[in-house]
Amino acid sequence: MQTLAIGDPLPSFAGLKDTAGKIRSREDFREARVLVVVFSCNHCPYVQAYEDRMIAFQDAYAGRGVQLVAINANDTTNYPEDDYAGMVKRAAMKNFNFPYLRDEDQQVAETFGATHTPEFFVFAAPSTGATMSLRYHGKMDDKYDDPAGVKHHYLRDAVEAMLAGRPVAEPETHSIGCTIKWRA
């Protein structure tokens, strides 16, 4: 499995159920100026440490045309807490302000080359009318366990550059978190 490279187009995806029961596809997010796809799950302590920051990020950027979408691809045979019912419960408990989608057959995670939760893939069009392409890939910031101690806001800085039409200064960082739980 190969991870998307900077400059690769946004892959197509379809048939993913969100926690409201709606079936979603890439087309549902075509109006976004910047699309942030984060591979996530329910049980990972790294994801749990970032959930409030993900909610705050969406709050801060929604009015500027940025859409965050979380996708859970984890195997549920060995990790039953990551099943769809658990997703619905987690989204309600945390009051997610972004879609949380289930990648049941793990095809979307495989297409993206995702390896961790949380792992962020950020897409934007380099110019009006152009195809969205990968402009940032990696982690949200440099302190998963200490929000007050964050020194580098990688995701925020990348999105700010995209919104301003500038190149992303640091387009890739190493994702930190739990590995995606693949089916046997």
N, C-alpha and C. Protein backbone atom coordinates (compact mmCIF):
# COMPACT_ATOMS: atom_id res chain seq x y z
N MET A 1 0.85 -1.18 0.00
CA MET A 1 0.00 0.00 0.00
C MET A 1 0.89 1.24 0.00
N GLN A 2 0.56 2.17 -0.88
CA GLN A 2 1.33 3.39 -0.99
C GLN A 2 0.48 4.58 -0.55
N THR A 3 1.08 5.46 0.24
CA THR A 3 0.39 6.66 0.72
C THR A 3 0.35 7.69 -0.39
N LEU A 4 -0.74 8.44 -0.45
CA LEU A 4 -0.83 9.54 -1.40
C LEU A 4 0.37 10.46 -1.24
N ALA A 5 0.80 11.02 -2.34
CA ALA A 5 1.92 11.97 -2.33
C ALA A 5 1.38 13.39 -2.49
N ILE A 6 2.14 14.34 -2.00
CA ILE A 6 1.77 15.74 -2.17
C ILE A 6 1.59 16.01 -3.66
N GLY A 7 0.46 16.62 -4.00
CA GLY A 7 0.12 16.90 -5.38
C GLY A 7 -0.83 15.90 -6.00
N ASP A 8 -1.01 14.73 -5.37
CA ASP A 8 -1.96 13.74 -5.89
C ASP A 8 -3.39 14.29 -5.77
N PRO A 9 -4.25 13.92 -6.73
CA PRO A 9 -5.64 14.39 -6.67
C PRO A 9 -6.42 13.72 -5.54
N LEU A 10 -7.46 14.41 -5.09
CA LEU A 10 -8.36 13.86 -4.08
C LEU A 10 -8.99 12.59 -4.64
N PRO A 11 -8.78 11.44 -3.99
CA PRO A 11 -9.39 10.21 -4.48
C PRO A 11 -10.92 10.25 -4.37
N SER A 12 -11.54 9.51 -5.24
CA SER A 12 -12.98 9.36 -5.18
C SER A 12 -13.32 8.43 -4.02
N PHE A 13 -14.42 8.70 -3.34
CA PHE A 13 -14.94 7.78 -2.35
C PHE A 13 -16.45 7.93 -2.32
N ALA A 14 -17.12 6.83 -2.01
CA ALA A 14 -18.58 6.83 -1.99
C ALA A 14 -19.07 5.70 -1.10
N GLY A 15 -20.34 5.79 -0.72
CA GLY A 15 -20.97 4.71 0.04
C GLY A 15 -20.59 4.65 1.50
N LEU A 16 -20.10 5.76 2.06
CA LEU A 16 -19.71 5.78 3.46
C LEU A 16 -20.84 6.34 4.30
N LYS A 17 -21.26 5.60 5.30
CA LYS A 17 -22.38 6.01 6.15
C LYS A 17 -21.87 6.91 7.27
N ASP A 18 -22.54 8.08 7.44
CA ASP A 18 -22.17 8.96 8.54
C ASP A 18 -22.99 8.61 9.78
N THR A 19 -22.68 9.24 10.88
CA THR A 19 -23.32 8.89 12.16
C THR A 19 -24.77 9.35 12.23
N ALA A 20 -25.24 10.08 11.22
CA ALA A 20 -26.66 10.44 11.14
C ALA A 20 -27.41 9.47 10.24
N GLY A 21 -26.68 8.48 9.69
CA GLY A 21 -27.31 7.48 8.84
C GLY A 21 -27.32 7.82 7.36
N LYS A 22 -26.74 8.95 6.99
CA LYS A 22 -26.71 9.38 5.59
C LYS A 22 -25.51 8.75 4.88
N ILE A 23 -25.71 8.32 3.64
CA ILE A 23 -24.62 7.76 2.84
C ILE A 23 -23.91 8.93 2.16
N ARG A 24 -22.61 9.00 2.33
CA ARG A 24 -21.81 10.13 1.86
C ARG A 24 -20.82 9.70 0.78
N SER A 25 -20.42 10.70 -0.02
CA SER A 25 -19.40 10.51 -1.04
C SER A 25 -18.55 11.77 -1.12
N ARG A 26 -17.53 11.70 -1.91
CA ARG A 26 -16.67 12.87 -2.12
C ARG A 26 -17.49 14.05 -2.63
N GLU A 27 -18.48 13.77 -3.44
CA GLU A 27 -19.28 14.84 -4.04
C GLU A 27 -20.01 15.69 -2.99
N ASP A 28 -20.29 15.11 -1.82
CA ASP A 28 -20.96 15.88 -0.77
C ASP A 28 -20.11 17.04 -0.26
N PHE A 29 -18.82 17.00 -0.54
CA PHE A 29 -17.89 18.00 -0.02
C PHE A 29 -17.26 18.85 -1.12
N ARG A 30 -17.85 18.84 -2.31
CA ARG A 30 -17.28 19.54 -3.46
C ARG A 30 -17.27 21.06 -3.31
N GLU A 31 -18.10 21.60 -2.42
CA GLU A 31 -18.15 23.05 -2.24
C GLU A 31 -17.04 23.56 -1.31
N ALA A 32 -16.35 22.67 -0.63
CA ALA A 32 -15.30 23.09 0.29
C ALA A 32 -14.12 23.71 -0.46
N ARG A 33 -13.63 24.81 0.07
CA ARG A 33 -12.39 25.40 -0.48
C ARG A 33 -11.20 24.53 -0.09
N VAL A 34 -11.26 24.01 1.14
CA VAL A 34 -10.22 23.13 1.66
C VAL A 34 -10.94 21.96 2.33
N LEU A 35 -10.54 20.75 1.99
CA LEU A 35 -11.12 19.54 2.58
C LEU A 35 -10.07 18.84 3.42
N VAL A 36 -10.39 18.67 4.70
CA VAL A 36 -9.49 17.99 5.63
C VAL A 36 -10.10 16.62 5.91
N VAL A 37 -9.42 15.56 5.47
CA VAL A 37 -9.86 14.20 5.74
C VAL A 37 -8.95 13.63 6.81
N VAL A 38 -9.54 13.23 7.93
CA VAL A 38 -8.75 12.65 9.01
C VAL A 38 -9.22 11.22 9.25
N PHE A 39 -8.29 10.30 9.24
CA PHE A 39 -8.62 8.92 9.58
C PHE A 39 -8.61 8.85 11.10
N SER A 40 -9.70 8.35 11.64
CA SER A 40 -9.98 8.42 13.06
C SER A 40 -10.58 7.10 13.53
N CYS A 41 -10.96 7.05 14.79
CA CYS A 41 -11.65 5.88 15.35
C CYS A 41 -12.19 6.28 16.72
N ASN A 42 -12.74 5.33 17.42
CA ASN A 42 -13.31 5.63 18.74
C ASN A 42 -12.35 5.35 19.89
N HIS A 43 -11.53 4.32 19.76
CA HIS A 43 -10.80 3.82 20.93
C HIS A 43 -9.39 4.39 21.12
N CYS A 44 -8.79 4.92 20.08
CA CYS A 44 -7.39 5.34 20.15
C CYS A 44 -7.21 6.53 21.10
N PRO A 45 -6.31 6.43 22.07
CA PRO A 45 -6.10 7.55 23.00
C PRO A 45 -5.55 8.81 22.31
N TYR A 46 -4.83 8.64 21.21
CA TYR A 46 -4.33 9.80 20.47
C TYR A 46 -5.51 10.55 19.83
N VAL A 47 -6.42 9.79 19.21
CA VAL A 47 -7.61 10.41 18.62
C VAL A 47 -8.40 11.11 19.72
N GLN A 48 -8.63 10.44 20.82
CA GLN A 48 -9.40 11.02 21.92
C GLN A 48 -8.76 12.32 22.41
N ALA A 49 -7.43 12.36 22.42
CA ALA A 49 -6.72 13.57 22.85
C ALA A 49 -6.92 14.72 21.87
N TYR A 50 -7.17 14.40 20.61
CA TYR A 50 -7.33 15.42 19.58
C TYR A 50 -8.77 15.80 19.28
N GLU A 51 -9.75 15.07 19.75
CA GLU A 51 -11.13 15.33 19.36
C GLU A 51 -11.59 16.75 19.66
N ASP A 52 -11.30 17.27 20.83
CA ASP A 52 -11.72 18.64 21.15
C ASP A 52 -11.04 19.65 20.23
N ARG A 53 -9.79 19.40 19.87
CA ARG A 53 -9.08 20.29 18.95
C ARG A 53 -9.65 20.19 17.54
N MET A 54 -10.08 19.00 17.15
CA MET A 54 -10.72 18.84 15.84
C MET A 54 -12.04 19.62 15.79
N ILE A 55 -12.81 19.55 16.86
CA ILE A 55 -14.07 20.30 16.95
C ILE A 55 -13.78 21.80 16.90
N ALA A 56 -12.80 22.25 17.66
CA ALA A 56 -12.44 23.68 17.68
C ALA A 56 -11.93 24.13 16.30
N PHE A 57 -11.17 23.28 15.65
CA PHE A 57 -10.67 23.58 14.31
C PHE A 57 -11.84 23.79 13.35
N GLN A 58 -12.81 22.86 13.36
CA GLN A 58 -13.96 22.99 12.46
C GLN A 58 -14.75 24.25 12.78
N ASP A 59 -14.93 24.54 14.06
CA ASP A 59 -15.61 25.78 14.45
C ASP A 59 -14.91 27.01 13.88
N ALA A 60 -13.59 27.01 13.99
CA ALA A 60 -12.81 28.17 13.57
C ALA A 60 -12.79 28.36 12.05
N TYR A 61 -12.85 27.27 11.29
CA TYR A 61 -12.65 27.36 9.85
C TYR A 61 -13.88 27.12 8.99
N ALA A 62 -14.98 26.69 9.55
CA ALA A 62 -16.17 26.40 8.75
C ALA A 62 -16.62 27.61 7.95
N GLY A 63 -16.58 28.78 8.54
CA GLY A 63 -17.00 29.99 7.87
C GLY A 63 -16.07 30.44 6.76
N ARG A 64 -14.93 29.79 6.64
CA ARG A 64 -13.95 30.15 5.61
C ARG A 64 -13.89 29.08 4.51
N GLY A 65 -14.89 28.18 4.51
CA GLY A 65 -14.97 27.19 3.44
C GLY A 65 -14.14 25.94 3.68
N VAL A 66 -13.76 25.69 4.91
CA VAL A 66 -12.98 24.50 5.24
C VAL A 66 -13.91 23.46 5.86
N GLN A 67 -13.80 22.22 5.38
CA GLN A 67 -14.62 21.13 5.91
C GLN A 67 -13.71 20.00 6.40
N LEU A 68 -13.87 19.64 7.65
CA LEU A 68 -13.18 18.47 8.22
C LEU A 68 -14.14 17.29 8.14
N VAL A 69 -13.63 16.15 7.72
CA VAL A 69 -14.40 14.90 7.63
C VAL A 69 -13.55 13.81 8.27
N ALA A 70 -14.11 13.12 9.26
CA ALA A 70 -13.41 12.01 9.91
C ALA A 70 -13.91 10.70 9.32
N ILE A 71 -12.98 9.76 9.10
CA ILE A 71 -13.30 8.45 8.55
C ILE A 71 -12.71 7.38 9.45
N ASN A 72 -13.56 6.45 9.86
CA ASN A 72 -13.14 5.32 10.69
C ASN A 72 -13.14 4.06 9.84
N ALA A 73 -11.96 3.49 9.65
CA ALA A 73 -11.80 2.28 8.84
C ALA A 73 -11.40 1.06 9.67
N ASN A 74 -11.31 1.20 10.98
CA ASN A 74 -10.78 0.11 11.80
C ASN A 74 -11.62 -1.16 11.73
N ASP A 75 -10.92 -2.28 11.80
CA ASP A 75 -11.54 -3.60 11.93
C ASP A 75 -12.38 -3.62 13.20
N THR A 76 -13.58 -4.14 13.11
CA THR A 76 -14.45 -4.18 14.29
C THR A 76 -14.56 -5.57 14.89
N THR A 77 -13.97 -6.56 14.25
CA THR A 77 -13.97 -7.90 14.83
C THR A 77 -13.10 -7.92 16.07
N ASN A 78 -11.90 -7.39 15.94
CA ASN A 78 -10.96 -7.36 17.07
C ASN A 78 -11.03 -6.06 17.87
N TYR A 79 -11.71 -5.04 17.30
CA TYR A 79 -11.86 -3.75 17.97
C TYR A 79 -13.33 -3.35 17.92
N PRO A 80 -14.19 -4.07 18.64
CA PRO A 80 -15.64 -3.83 18.55
C PRO A 80 -16.06 -2.43 18.97
N GLU A 81 -15.26 -1.76 19.78
CA GLU A 81 -15.61 -0.40 20.20
C GLU A 81 -15.55 0.59 19.04
N ASP A 82 -14.95 0.19 17.92
CA ASP A 82 -14.87 1.05 16.74
C ASP A 82 -16.01 0.81 15.75
N ASP A 83 -17.00 0.03 16.15
CA ASP A 83 -18.11 -0.25 15.23
C ASP A 83 -19.00 0.97 15.02
N TYR A 84 -19.93 0.85 14.08
CA TYR A 84 -20.79 1.98 13.73
C TYR A 84 -21.59 2.47 14.93
N ALA A 85 -22.15 1.57 15.73
CA ALA A 85 -22.92 1.99 16.91
C ALA A 85 -22.05 2.78 17.87
N GLY A 86 -20.80 2.37 18.03
CA GLY A 86 -19.86 3.11 18.87
C GLY A 86 -19.55 4.49 18.30
N MET A 87 -19.50 4.58 16.97
CA MET A 87 -19.26 5.87 16.32
C MET A 87 -20.42 6.83 16.59
N VAL A 88 -21.64 6.32 16.46
CA VAL A 88 -22.82 7.16 16.70
C VAL A 88 -22.80 7.67 18.13
N LYS A 89 -22.49 6.78 19.06
CA LYS A 89 -22.44 7.15 20.48
C LYS A 89 -21.34 8.19 20.73
N ARG A 90 -20.15 7.97 20.16
CA ARG A 90 -19.02 8.88 20.37
C ARG A 90 -19.32 10.26 19.77
N ALA A 91 -19.86 10.28 18.56
CA ALA A 91 -20.17 11.56 17.90
C ALA A 91 -21.19 12.36 18.71
N ALA A 92 -22.18 11.67 19.28
CA ALA A 92 -23.20 12.36 20.10
C ALA A 92 -22.60 12.84 21.41
N MET A 93 -21.80 11.98 22.04
CA MET A 93 -21.20 12.33 23.32
C MET A 93 -20.28 13.55 23.20
N LYS A 94 -19.50 13.61 22.12
CA LYS A 94 -18.55 14.71 21.92
C LYS A 94 -19.17 15.88 21.16
N ASN A 95 -20.37 15.68 20.63
CA ASN A 95 -21.06 16.72 19.85
C ASN A 95 -20.22 17.15 18.65
N PHE A 96 -19.81 16.14 17.85
CA PHE A 96 -19.00 16.43 16.67
C PHE A 96 -19.74 17.40 15.76
N ASN A 97 -19.01 18.37 15.23
CA ASN A 97 -19.54 19.35 14.30
C ASN A 97 -19.03 19.09 12.88
N PHE A 98 -18.62 17.87 12.64
CA PHE A 98 -18.11 17.43 11.35
C PHE A 98 -18.64 16.03 11.08
N PRO A 99 -18.74 15.64 9.81
CA PRO A 99 -19.19 14.28 9.51
C PRO A 99 -18.18 13.23 9.97
N TYR A 100 -18.71 12.14 10.50
CA TYR A 100 -17.89 11.01 10.95
C TYR A 100 -18.40 9.80 10.17
N LEU A 101 -17.57 9.30 9.25
CA LEU A 101 -17.97 8.28 8.29
C LEU A 101 -17.35 6.93 8.58
N ARG A 102 -18.08 5.88 8.23
CA ARG A 102 -17.60 4.50 8.41
C ARG A 102 -17.13 3.94 7.08
N ASP A 103 -15.87 3.53 7.02
CA ASP A 103 -15.25 2.89 5.86
C ASP A 103 -15.22 1.38 6.15
N GLU A 104 -16.37 0.76 6.01
CA GLU A 104 -16.55 -0.63 6.43
C GLU A 104 -15.60 -1.59 5.73
N ASP A 105 -15.40 -1.43 4.43
CA ASP A 105 -14.55 -2.37 3.69
C ASP A 105 -13.08 -1.93 3.63
N GLN A 106 -12.76 -0.83 4.28
CA GLN A 106 -11.40 -0.29 4.40
C GLN A 106 -10.80 0.17 3.07
N GLN A 107 -11.63 0.28 2.04
CA GLN A 107 -11.13 0.66 0.72
C GLN A 107 -10.67 2.11 0.66
N VAL A 108 -11.36 2.99 1.36
CA VAL A 108 -10.96 4.41 1.32
C VAL A 108 -9.61 4.58 2.03
N ALA A 109 -9.47 3.98 3.19
CA ALA A 109 -8.19 4.06 3.91
C ALA A 109 -7.05 3.49 3.06
N GLU A 110 -7.34 2.41 2.37
CA GLU A 110 -6.33 1.80 1.51
C GLU A 110 -5.98 2.72 0.33
N THR A 111 -6.99 3.33 -0.27
CA THR A 111 -6.76 4.25 -1.40
C THR A 111 -5.90 5.43 -0.98
N PHE A 112 -6.16 5.97 0.20
CA PHE A 112 -5.38 7.09 0.70
C PHE A 112 -3.98 6.65 1.16
N GLY A 113 -3.84 5.37 1.49
CA GLY A 113 -2.58 4.91 2.07
C GLY A 113 -2.45 5.29 3.52
N ALA A 114 -3.59 5.46 4.19
CA ALA A 114 -3.59 5.85 5.60
C ALA A 114 -3.00 4.73 6.45
N THR A 115 -2.29 5.11 7.49
CA THR A 115 -1.65 4.13 8.37
C THR A 115 -1.97 4.34 9.84
N HIS A 116 -2.37 5.55 10.21
CA HIS A 116 -2.55 5.89 11.62
C HIS A 116 -3.89 6.58 11.90
N THR A 117 -4.24 6.61 13.16
CA THR A 117 -5.34 7.43 13.66
C THR A 117 -4.77 8.27 14.81
N PRO A 118 -4.89 9.57 14.75
CA PRO A 118 -5.41 10.37 13.65
C PRO A 118 -4.32 10.65 12.61
N GLU A 119 -4.73 10.69 11.36
CA GLU A 119 -3.83 11.03 10.25
C GLU A 119 -4.60 11.96 9.32
N PHE A 120 -4.03 13.13 9.07
CA PHE A 120 -4.71 14.19 8.34
C PHE A 120 -4.21 14.29 6.90
N PHE A 121 -5.15 14.35 5.96
CA PHE A 121 -4.88 14.57 4.54
C PHE A 121 -5.66 15.82 4.16
N VAL A 122 -4.97 16.85 3.68
CA VAL A 122 -5.64 18.12 3.40
C VAL A 122 -5.52 18.44 1.90
N PHE A 123 -6.69 18.70 1.31
CA PHE A 123 -6.79 18.93 -0.13
C PHE A 123 -7.32 20.33 -0.41
N ALA A 124 -6.78 20.94 -1.44
CA ALA A 124 -7.27 22.22 -1.92
C ALA A 124 -6.93 22.32 -3.40
N ALA A 125 -7.66 23.15 -4.11
CA ALA A 125 -7.35 23.39 -5.51
C ALA A 125 -6.32 24.51 -5.59
N PRO A 126 -5.27 24.31 -6.37
CA PRO A 126 -4.25 25.36 -6.47
C PRO A 126 -4.75 26.63 -7.15
N SER A 127 -5.84 26.51 -7.92
CA SER A 127 -6.44 27.69 -8.54
C SER A 127 -7.92 27.40 -8.78
N THR A 128 -8.68 28.44 -9.01
CA THR A 128 -10.11 28.31 -9.23
C THR A 128 -10.37 27.36 -10.41
N GLY A 129 -11.25 26.41 -10.19
CA GLY A 129 -11.62 25.47 -11.25
C GLY A 129 -10.69 24.28 -11.37
N ALA A 130 -9.57 24.29 -10.67
CA ALA A 130 -8.63 23.17 -10.73
C ALA A 130 -9.11 22.04 -9.83
N THR A 131 -8.57 20.86 -10.03
CA THR A 131 -8.89 19.70 -9.21
C THR A 131 -8.21 19.82 -7.86
N MET A 132 -8.94 19.42 -6.82
CA MET A 132 -8.33 19.42 -5.48
C MET A 132 -7.19 18.41 -5.45
N SER A 133 -6.09 18.83 -4.84
CA SER A 133 -4.95 17.93 -4.71
C SER A 133 -4.42 17.98 -3.29
N LEU A 134 -3.67 16.95 -2.93
CA LEU A 134 -3.11 16.85 -1.58
C LEU A 134 -2.06 17.93 -1.40
N ARG A 135 -2.27 18.74 -0.38
CA ARG A 135 -1.34 19.85 -0.10
C ARG A 135 -0.65 19.70 1.25
N TYR A 136 -1.26 18.91 2.15
CA TYR A 136 -0.64 18.64 3.46
C TYR A 136 -1.03 17.23 3.89
N HIS A 137 -0.09 16.54 4.52
CA HIS A 137 -0.33 15.21 5.07
C HIS A 137 0.48 15.05 6.34
N GLY A 138 -0.21 14.63 7.42
CA GLY A 138 0.52 14.39 8.65
C GLY A 138 -0.32 14.58 9.89
N LYS A 139 0.29 15.21 10.88
CA LYS A 139 -0.35 15.37 12.18
C LYS A 139 -0.92 16.77 12.35
N MET A 140 -1.75 16.91 13.37
CA MET A 140 -2.40 18.19 13.63
C MET A 140 -1.42 19.21 14.23
N ASP A 141 -0.67 18.77 15.22
CA ASP A 141 0.27 19.65 15.89
C ASP A 141 1.35 18.80 16.55
N ASP A 142 2.19 19.43 17.36
CA ASP A 142 3.34 18.72 17.92
C ASP A 142 3.14 18.23 19.36
N LYS A 143 1.94 18.33 19.93
CA LYS A 143 1.75 17.93 21.33
C LYS A 143 0.38 17.28 21.52
N TYR A 144 0.26 16.02 21.15
CA TYR A 144 -1.04 15.36 21.27
C TYR A 144 -1.54 15.34 22.72
N ASP A 145 -0.62 15.23 23.66
CA ASP A 145 -1.01 15.04 25.07
C ASP A 145 -1.00 16.34 25.89
N ASP A 146 -0.71 17.48 25.23
CA ASP A 146 -0.61 18.74 25.97
C ASP A 146 -1.05 19.90 25.08
N PRO A 147 -2.35 20.12 24.93
CA PRO A 147 -2.81 21.20 24.05
C PRO A 147 -2.21 22.57 24.39
N ALA A 148 -1.99 22.82 25.66
CA ALA A 148 -1.44 24.12 26.06
C ALA A 148 0.04 24.26 25.67
N GLY A 149 0.71 23.14 25.45
CA GLY A 149 2.12 23.18 25.12
C GLY A 149 2.45 23.14 23.64
N VAL A 150 1.44 23.22 22.79
CA VAL A 150 1.67 23.15 21.35
C VAL A 150 2.52 24.32 20.88
N LYS A 151 3.58 24.00 20.15
CA LYS A 151 4.44 25.03 19.57
C LYS A 151 4.28 25.11 18.06
N HIS A 152 3.93 23.98 17.43
CA HIS A 152 3.79 23.92 15.97
C HIS A 152 2.39 23.44 15.61
N HIS A 153 1.62 24.31 14.99
CA HIS A 153 0.24 24.01 14.57
C HIS A 153 0.28 23.64 13.08
N TYR A 154 0.76 22.44 12.78
CA TYR A 154 0.99 22.04 11.39
C TYR A 154 -0.27 22.14 10.53
N LEU A 155 -1.37 21.57 11.01
CA LEU A 155 -2.61 21.58 10.24
C LEU A 155 -3.10 23.01 10.03
N ARG A 156 -3.20 23.76 11.10
CA ARG A 156 -3.68 25.14 10.99
C ARG A 156 -2.80 25.96 10.05
N ASP A 157 -1.48 25.84 10.18
CA ASP A 157 -0.58 26.61 9.33
C ASP A 157 -0.74 26.23 7.86
N ALA A 158 -0.91 24.93 7.60
CA ALA A 158 -1.10 24.47 6.22
C ALA A 158 -2.40 25.03 5.65
N VAL A 159 -3.47 24.98 6.41
CA VAL A 159 -4.76 25.47 5.94
C VAL A 159 -4.70 26.98 5.72
N GLU A 160 -4.08 27.71 6.61
CA GLU A 160 -3.93 29.16 6.43
C GLU A 160 -3.19 29.48 5.13
N ALA A 161 -2.14 28.72 4.85
CA ALA A 161 -1.39 28.94 3.60
C ALA A 161 -2.29 28.66 2.40
N MET A 162 -3.04 27.57 2.44
CA MET A 162 -3.93 27.24 1.32
C MET A 162 -4.97 28.32 1.10
N LEU A 163 -5.58 28.79 2.18
CA LEU A 163 -6.61 29.83 2.06
C LEU A 163 -6.04 31.13 1.51
N ALA A 164 -4.77 31.38 1.78
CA ALA A 164 -4.12 32.60 1.30
C ALA A 164 -3.49 32.43 -0.09
N GLY A 165 -3.59 31.20 -0.64
CA GLY A 165 -3.01 30.94 -1.96
C GLY A 165 -1.51 30.80 -1.97
N ARG A 166 -0.94 30.51 -0.80
CA ARG A 166 0.51 30.34 -0.67
C ARG A 166 0.87 28.85 -0.63
N PRO A 167 2.10 28.51 -0.98
CA PRO A 167 2.55 27.13 -0.80
C PRO A 167 2.60 26.79 0.70
N VAL A 168 2.39 25.54 1.02
CA VAL A 168 2.46 25.09 2.40
C VAL A 168 3.94 24.94 2.75
N ALA A 169 4.37 25.60 3.81
CA ALA A 169 5.78 25.60 4.19
C ALA A 169 6.28 24.21 4.58
N GLU A 170 5.47 23.48 5.29
CA GLU A 170 5.84 22.12 5.72
C GLU A 170 4.71 21.18 5.30
N PRO A 171 4.77 20.67 4.05
CA PRO A 171 3.65 19.89 3.53
C PRO A 171 3.51 18.48 4.10
N GLU A 172 4.53 17.97 4.76
CA GLU A 172 4.43 16.63 5.35
C GLU A 172 5.08 16.59 6.72
N THR A 173 4.37 15.92 7.63
CA THR A 173 4.91 15.62 8.95
C THR A 173 4.60 14.17 9.24
N HIS A 174 5.28 13.60 10.19
CA HIS A 174 5.06 12.20 10.54
C HIS A 174 3.85 12.09 11.45
N SER A 175 2.86 11.31 11.02
CA SER A 175 1.67 11.11 11.86
C SER A 175 2.03 10.31 13.09
N ILE A 176 1.41 10.69 14.19
CA ILE A 176 1.61 9.97 15.44
C ILE A 176 0.25 9.51 15.92
N GLY A 177 0.18 8.29 16.39
CA GLY A 177 -1.09 7.75 16.88
C GLY A 177 -1.10 6.25 16.83
N CYS A 178 -2.28 5.69 16.90
CA CYS A 178 -2.45 4.25 16.79
C CYS A 178 -2.43 3.86 15.31
N THR A 179 -2.02 2.65 15.03
CA THR A 179 -2.07 2.19 13.65
C THR A 179 -3.52 1.83 13.31
N ILE A 180 -3.85 1.97 12.03
CA ILE A 180 -5.16 1.52 11.58
C ILE A 180 -5.23 0.02 11.79
N LYS A 181 -6.35 -0.46 12.28
CA LYS A 181 -6.53 -1.88 12.56
C LYS A 181 -7.14 -2.54 11.34
N TRP A 182 -6.27 -3.21 10.57
CA TRP A 182 -6.68 -3.85 9.33
C TRP A 182 -7.27 -5.22 9.61
N ARG A 183 -8.20 -5.62 8.75
CA ARG A 183 -8.77 -6.97 8.85
C ARG A 183 -7.71 -7.98 8.48
N ALA A 184 -7.81 -9.15 9.08
CA ALA A 184 -6.86 -10.24 8.77
C ALA A 184 -7.08 -10.71 7.35
